[in-house]
Amino acid sequence: MGLQGPLLMIGWFLFSGVLMRYMSPSFGKLTAIEQALEGDFRACHTNLVTHSEEIAFYQGNNWEEERLNTTFNVITAHIIILLYYFVIIIYH
């Protein structure tokens, strides 16, 4: 094949590397967002444990349950998006 074969391969790898660089999301930012969302979820749980007596006395269980479910749903939606990006990059 001579010099043409290796040069074509090197060109293809450079092209695909540049294309992947500009098409893939910033996984560092996505991971930082995930960590922040998990921190919010842990903070909600800590507040629930810390203030459980007051929550029970004032019958705030429905509000706290909604708050915990909302933070959990936000985390799961973000993780689903993150996994979707990984699947696209790995299998394409």
N, C-alpha and C. Protein backbone atom coordinates (compact mmCIF):
# COMPACT_ATOMS: atom_id res chain seq x y z
N MET A 1 0.82 -1.19 0.00
CA MET A 1 0.00 0.00 0.00
C MET A 1 0.86 1.25 0.00
N GLY A 2 2.09 1.08 0.41
CA GLY A 2 2.99 2.22 0.37
C GLY A 2 2.68 3.23 1.46
N LEU A 3 2.91 4.46 1.14
CA LEU A 3 2.72 5.55 2.08
C LEU A 3 1.26 5.99 2.17
N GLN A 4 0.48 5.70 1.16
CA GLN A 4 -0.90 6.16 1.10
C GLN A 4 -1.76 5.53 2.21
N GLY A 5 -1.59 4.25 2.51
CA GLY A 5 -2.40 3.56 3.52
C GLY A 5 -2.22 4.15 4.91
N PRO A 6 -0.98 4.25 5.42
CA PRO A 6 -0.80 4.84 6.75
C PRO A 6 -1.23 6.31 6.82
N LEU A 7 -1.02 7.06 5.77
CA LEU A 7 -1.45 8.47 5.79
C LEU A 7 -2.97 8.58 5.82
N LEU A 8 -3.67 7.70 5.10
CA LEU A 8 -5.13 7.70 5.15
C LEU A 8 -5.62 7.36 6.56
N MET A 9 -4.98 6.40 7.20
CA MET A 9 -5.38 6.02 8.56
C MET A 9 -5.12 7.17 9.55
N ILE A 10 -3.97 7.79 9.44
CA ILE A 10 -3.65 8.92 10.33
C ILE A 10 -4.63 10.06 10.08
N GLY A 11 -4.92 10.35 8.83
CA GLY A 11 -5.90 11.40 8.50
C GLY A 11 -7.28 11.08 9.06
N TRP A 12 -7.69 9.82 8.95
CA TRP A 12 -9.00 9.43 9.46
C TRP A 12 -9.05 9.60 10.98
N PHE A 13 -8.00 9.19 11.69
CA PHE A 13 -7.98 9.33 13.14
C PHE A 13 -7.98 10.80 13.55
N LEU A 14 -7.26 11.63 12.86
CA LEU A 14 -7.27 13.06 13.17
C LEU A 14 -8.65 13.67 12.92
N PHE A 15 -9.24 13.33 11.79
CA PHE A 15 -10.57 13.84 11.46
C PHE A 15 -11.60 13.41 12.49
N SER A 16 -11.61 12.12 12.83
CA SER A 16 -12.60 11.63 13.79
C SER A 16 -12.35 12.19 15.18
N GLY A 17 -11.09 12.40 15.55
CA GLY A 17 -10.77 12.99 16.85
C GLY A 17 -11.27 14.42 16.97
N VAL A 18 -11.05 15.21 15.92
CA VAL A 18 -11.52 16.60 15.91
C VAL A 18 -13.05 16.63 15.92
N LEU A 19 -13.67 15.77 15.14
CA LEU A 19 -15.13 15.70 15.09
C LEU A 19 -15.70 15.33 16.45
N MET A 20 -15.13 14.35 17.11
CA MET A 20 -15.59 13.94 18.44
C MET A 20 -15.39 15.05 19.47
N ARG A 21 -14.31 15.78 19.32
CA ARG A 21 -14.02 16.87 20.26
C ARG A 21 -15.10 17.94 20.22
N TYR A 22 -15.57 18.27 19.03
CA TYR A 22 -16.55 19.34 18.90
C TYR A 22 -17.98 18.85 19.05
N MET A 23 -18.23 17.56 18.88
CA MET A 23 -19.59 17.05 19.00
C MET A 23 -19.93 16.56 20.40
N SER A 24 -18.94 16.10 21.16
CA SER A 24 -19.23 15.54 22.47
C SER A 24 -19.39 16.66 23.50
N PRO A 25 -20.26 16.44 24.49
CA PRO A 25 -20.47 17.45 25.52
C PRO A 25 -19.29 17.49 26.49
N SER A 26 -19.28 18.51 27.31
CA SER A 26 -18.25 18.63 28.34
C SER A 26 -18.63 17.74 29.52
N PHE A 27 -18.00 16.57 29.59
CA PHE A 27 -18.35 15.63 30.65
C PHE A 27 -17.95 16.12 32.02
N GLY A 28 -16.95 16.97 32.10
CA GLY A 28 -16.56 17.55 33.38
C GLY A 28 -17.68 18.42 33.96
N LYS A 29 -18.28 19.24 33.11
CA LYS A 29 -19.39 20.08 33.56
C LYS A 29 -20.60 19.24 33.94
N LEU A 30 -20.88 18.21 33.13
CA LEU A 30 -22.02 17.36 33.43
C LEU A 30 -21.83 16.61 34.75
N THR A 31 -20.62 16.18 35.04
CA THR A 31 -20.33 15.51 36.30
C THR A 31 -20.44 16.48 37.47
N ALA A 32 -19.99 17.71 37.27
CA ALA A 32 -20.10 18.72 38.33
C ALA A 32 -21.57 19.02 38.63
N ILE A 33 -22.39 19.09 37.61
CA ILE A 33 -23.82 19.31 37.80
C ILE A 33 -24.43 18.13 38.56
N GLU A 34 -24.04 16.92 38.19
CA GLU A 34 -24.54 15.73 38.87
C GLU A 34 -24.17 15.75 40.36
N GLN A 35 -22.94 16.12 40.66
CA GLN A 35 -22.51 16.18 42.05
C GLN A 35 -23.28 17.24 42.84
N ALA A 36 -23.56 18.37 42.20
CA ALA A 36 -24.34 19.42 42.88
C ALA A 36 -25.76 18.95 43.15
N LEU A 37 -26.36 18.27 42.19
CA LEU A 37 -27.72 17.76 42.37
C LEU A 37 -27.77 16.70 43.47
N GLU A 38 -26.76 15.84 43.52
CA GLU A 38 -26.70 14.84 44.59
C GLU A 38 -26.50 15.51 45.95
N GLY A 39 -25.75 16.59 45.99
CA GLY A 39 -25.58 17.34 47.23
C GLY A 39 -26.90 17.93 47.71
N ASP A 40 -27.70 18.45 46.78
CA ASP A 40 -29.02 18.97 47.14
C ASP A 40 -29.91 17.86 47.69
N PHE A 41 -29.84 16.69 47.08
CA PHE A 41 -30.64 15.55 47.53
C PHE A 41 -30.21 15.12 48.93
N ARG A 42 -28.91 15.06 49.17
CA ARG A 42 -28.42 14.70 50.51
C ARG A 42 -28.81 15.76 51.54
N ALA A 43 -28.79 17.01 51.14
CA ALA A 43 -29.18 18.08 52.06
C ALA A 43 -30.65 17.96 52.43
N CYS A 44 -31.49 17.60 51.48
CA CYS A 44 -32.92 17.39 51.77
C CYS A 44 -33.10 16.26 52.77
N HIS A 45 -32.34 15.18 52.59
CA HIS A 45 -32.43 14.06 53.53
C HIS A 45 -31.93 14.44 54.91
N THR A 46 -30.85 15.19 54.96
CA THR A 46 -30.32 15.63 56.25
C THR A 46 -31.32 16.53 56.97
N ASN A 47 -31.94 17.45 56.22
CA ASN A 47 -32.96 18.30 56.83
C ASN A 47 -34.15 17.49 57.31
N LEU A 48 -34.51 16.46 56.59
CA LEU A 48 -35.62 15.61 57.00
C LEU A 48 -35.30 14.91 58.32
N VAL A 49 -34.10 14.37 58.44
CA VAL A 49 -33.71 13.69 59.67
C VAL A 49 -33.58 14.68 60.82
N THR A 50 -32.99 15.82 60.55
CA THR A 50 -32.77 16.82 61.59
C THR A 50 -34.08 17.39 62.11
N HIS A 51 -35.02 17.65 61.22
CA HIS A 51 -36.26 18.32 61.61
C HIS A 51 -37.47 17.38 61.58
N SER A 52 -37.24 16.09 61.77
CA SER A 52 -38.33 15.12 61.65
C SER A 52 -39.43 15.35 62.68
N GLU A 53 -39.07 15.76 63.89
CA GLU A 53 -40.08 15.98 64.92
C GLU A 53 -40.99 17.15 64.55
N GLU A 54 -40.39 18.24 64.08
CA GLU A 54 -41.20 19.39 63.68
C GLU A 54 -42.06 19.08 62.46
N ILE A 55 -41.51 18.32 61.53
CA ILE A 55 -42.27 17.96 60.33
C ILE A 55 -43.49 17.13 60.73
N ALA A 56 -43.29 16.20 61.65
CA ALA A 56 -44.42 15.38 62.10
C ALA A 56 -45.43 16.22 62.88
N PHE A 57 -44.96 17.13 63.71
CA PHE A 57 -45.87 17.95 64.53
C PHE A 57 -46.73 18.87 63.66
N TYR A 58 -46.10 19.50 62.68
CA TYR A 58 -46.83 20.43 61.80
C TYR A 58 -47.43 19.74 60.58
N GLN A 59 -47.34 18.44 60.50
CA GLN A 59 -47.88 17.63 59.42
C GLN A 59 -47.37 18.09 58.04
N GLY A 60 -46.06 18.23 57.98
CA GLY A 60 -45.42 18.66 56.73
C GLY A 60 -44.89 17.50 55.91
N ASN A 61 -45.39 16.31 56.18
CA ASN A 61 -44.86 15.13 55.50
C ASN A 61 -45.13 15.17 54.00
N ASN A 62 -46.28 15.66 53.57
CA ASN A 62 -46.57 15.71 52.13
C ASN A 62 -45.63 16.68 51.41
N TRP A 63 -45.37 17.81 52.03
CA TRP A 63 -44.48 18.80 51.43
C TRP A 63 -43.06 18.25 51.34
N GLU A 64 -42.60 17.61 52.41
CA GLU A 64 -41.25 17.04 52.41
C GLU A 64 -41.13 15.89 51.40
N GLU A 65 -42.17 15.07 51.31
CA GLU A 65 -42.14 13.99 50.33
C GLU A 65 -42.07 14.53 48.91
N GLU A 66 -42.83 15.57 48.64
CA GLU A 66 -42.80 16.20 47.30
C GLU A 66 -41.42 16.79 47.01
N ARG A 67 -40.83 17.41 48.02
CA ARG A 67 -39.51 18.02 47.86
C ARG A 67 -38.45 16.95 47.58
N LEU A 68 -38.49 15.85 48.33
CA LEU A 68 -37.53 14.77 48.11
C LEU A 68 -37.74 14.11 46.74
N ASN A 69 -38.99 13.89 46.36
CA ASN A 69 -39.27 13.28 45.06
C ASN A 69 -38.82 14.19 43.92
N THR A 70 -39.01 15.49 44.08
CA THR A 70 -38.60 16.44 43.04
C THR A 70 -37.08 16.43 42.87
N THR A 71 -36.33 16.48 43.96
CA THR A 71 -34.87 16.48 43.85
C THR A 71 -34.39 15.15 43.28
N PHE A 72 -35.02 14.04 43.66
CA PHE A 72 -34.63 12.74 43.12
C PHE A 72 -34.92 12.66 41.62
N ASN A 73 -36.08 13.16 41.20
CA ASN A 73 -36.43 13.13 39.78
C ASN A 73 -35.49 13.99 38.93
N VAL A 74 -35.05 15.10 39.48
CA VAL A 74 -34.09 15.95 38.76
C VAL A 74 -32.77 15.21 38.57
N ILE A 75 -32.31 14.53 39.63
CA ILE A 75 -31.06 13.76 39.52
C ILE A 75 -31.20 12.64 38.49
N THR A 76 -32.29 11.89 38.56
CA THR A 76 -32.44 10.77 37.62
C THR A 76 -32.56 11.25 36.18
N ALA A 77 -33.24 12.36 35.96
CA ALA A 77 -33.34 12.90 34.60
C ALA A 77 -31.95 13.30 34.08
N HIS A 78 -31.16 13.91 34.94
CA HIS A 78 -29.81 14.32 34.54
C HIS A 78 -28.94 13.09 34.24
N ILE A 79 -29.03 12.07 35.06
CA ILE A 79 -28.23 10.87 34.85
C ILE A 79 -28.65 10.15 33.57
N ILE A 80 -29.94 10.14 33.27
CA ILE A 80 -30.41 9.54 32.02
C ILE A 80 -29.82 10.26 30.82
N ILE A 81 -29.80 11.58 30.87
CA ILE A 81 -29.20 12.36 29.78
C ILE A 81 -27.71 12.05 29.67
N LEU A 82 -27.02 11.98 30.81
CA LEU A 82 -25.60 11.69 30.81
C LEU A 82 -25.31 10.31 30.23
N LEU A 83 -26.10 9.32 30.62
CA LEU A 83 -25.92 7.97 30.08
C LEU A 83 -26.23 7.91 28.60
N TYR A 84 -27.19 8.71 28.15
CA TYR A 84 -27.51 8.77 26.72
C TYR A 84 -26.31 9.28 25.93
N TYR A 85 -25.63 10.30 26.45
CA TYR A 85 -24.43 10.80 25.79
C TYR A 85 -23.35 9.73 25.73
N PHE A 86 -23.15 9.00 26.83
CA PHE A 86 -22.15 7.94 26.84
C PHE A 86 -22.47 6.87 25.82
N VAL A 87 -23.72 6.47 25.72
CA VAL A 87 -24.11 5.43 24.78
C VAL A 87 -23.88 5.89 23.34
N ILE A 88 -24.21 7.13 23.07
CA ILE A 88 -24.01 7.65 21.70
C ILE A 88 -22.52 7.65 21.36
N ILE A 89 -21.68 8.07 22.29
CA ILE A 89 -20.25 8.16 21.99
C ILE A 89 -19.63 6.77 21.89
N ILE A 90 -20.01 5.86 22.77
CA ILE A 90 -19.39 4.54 22.78
C ILE A 90 -19.81 3.71 21.57
N TYR A 91 -21.07 3.73 21.24
CA TYR A 91 -21.57 2.84 20.19
C TYR A 91 -21.65 3.46 18.81
N HIS A 92 -21.21 4.67 18.66
CA HIS A 92 -21.22 5.27 17.32
C HIS A 92 -19.88 5.67 16.88
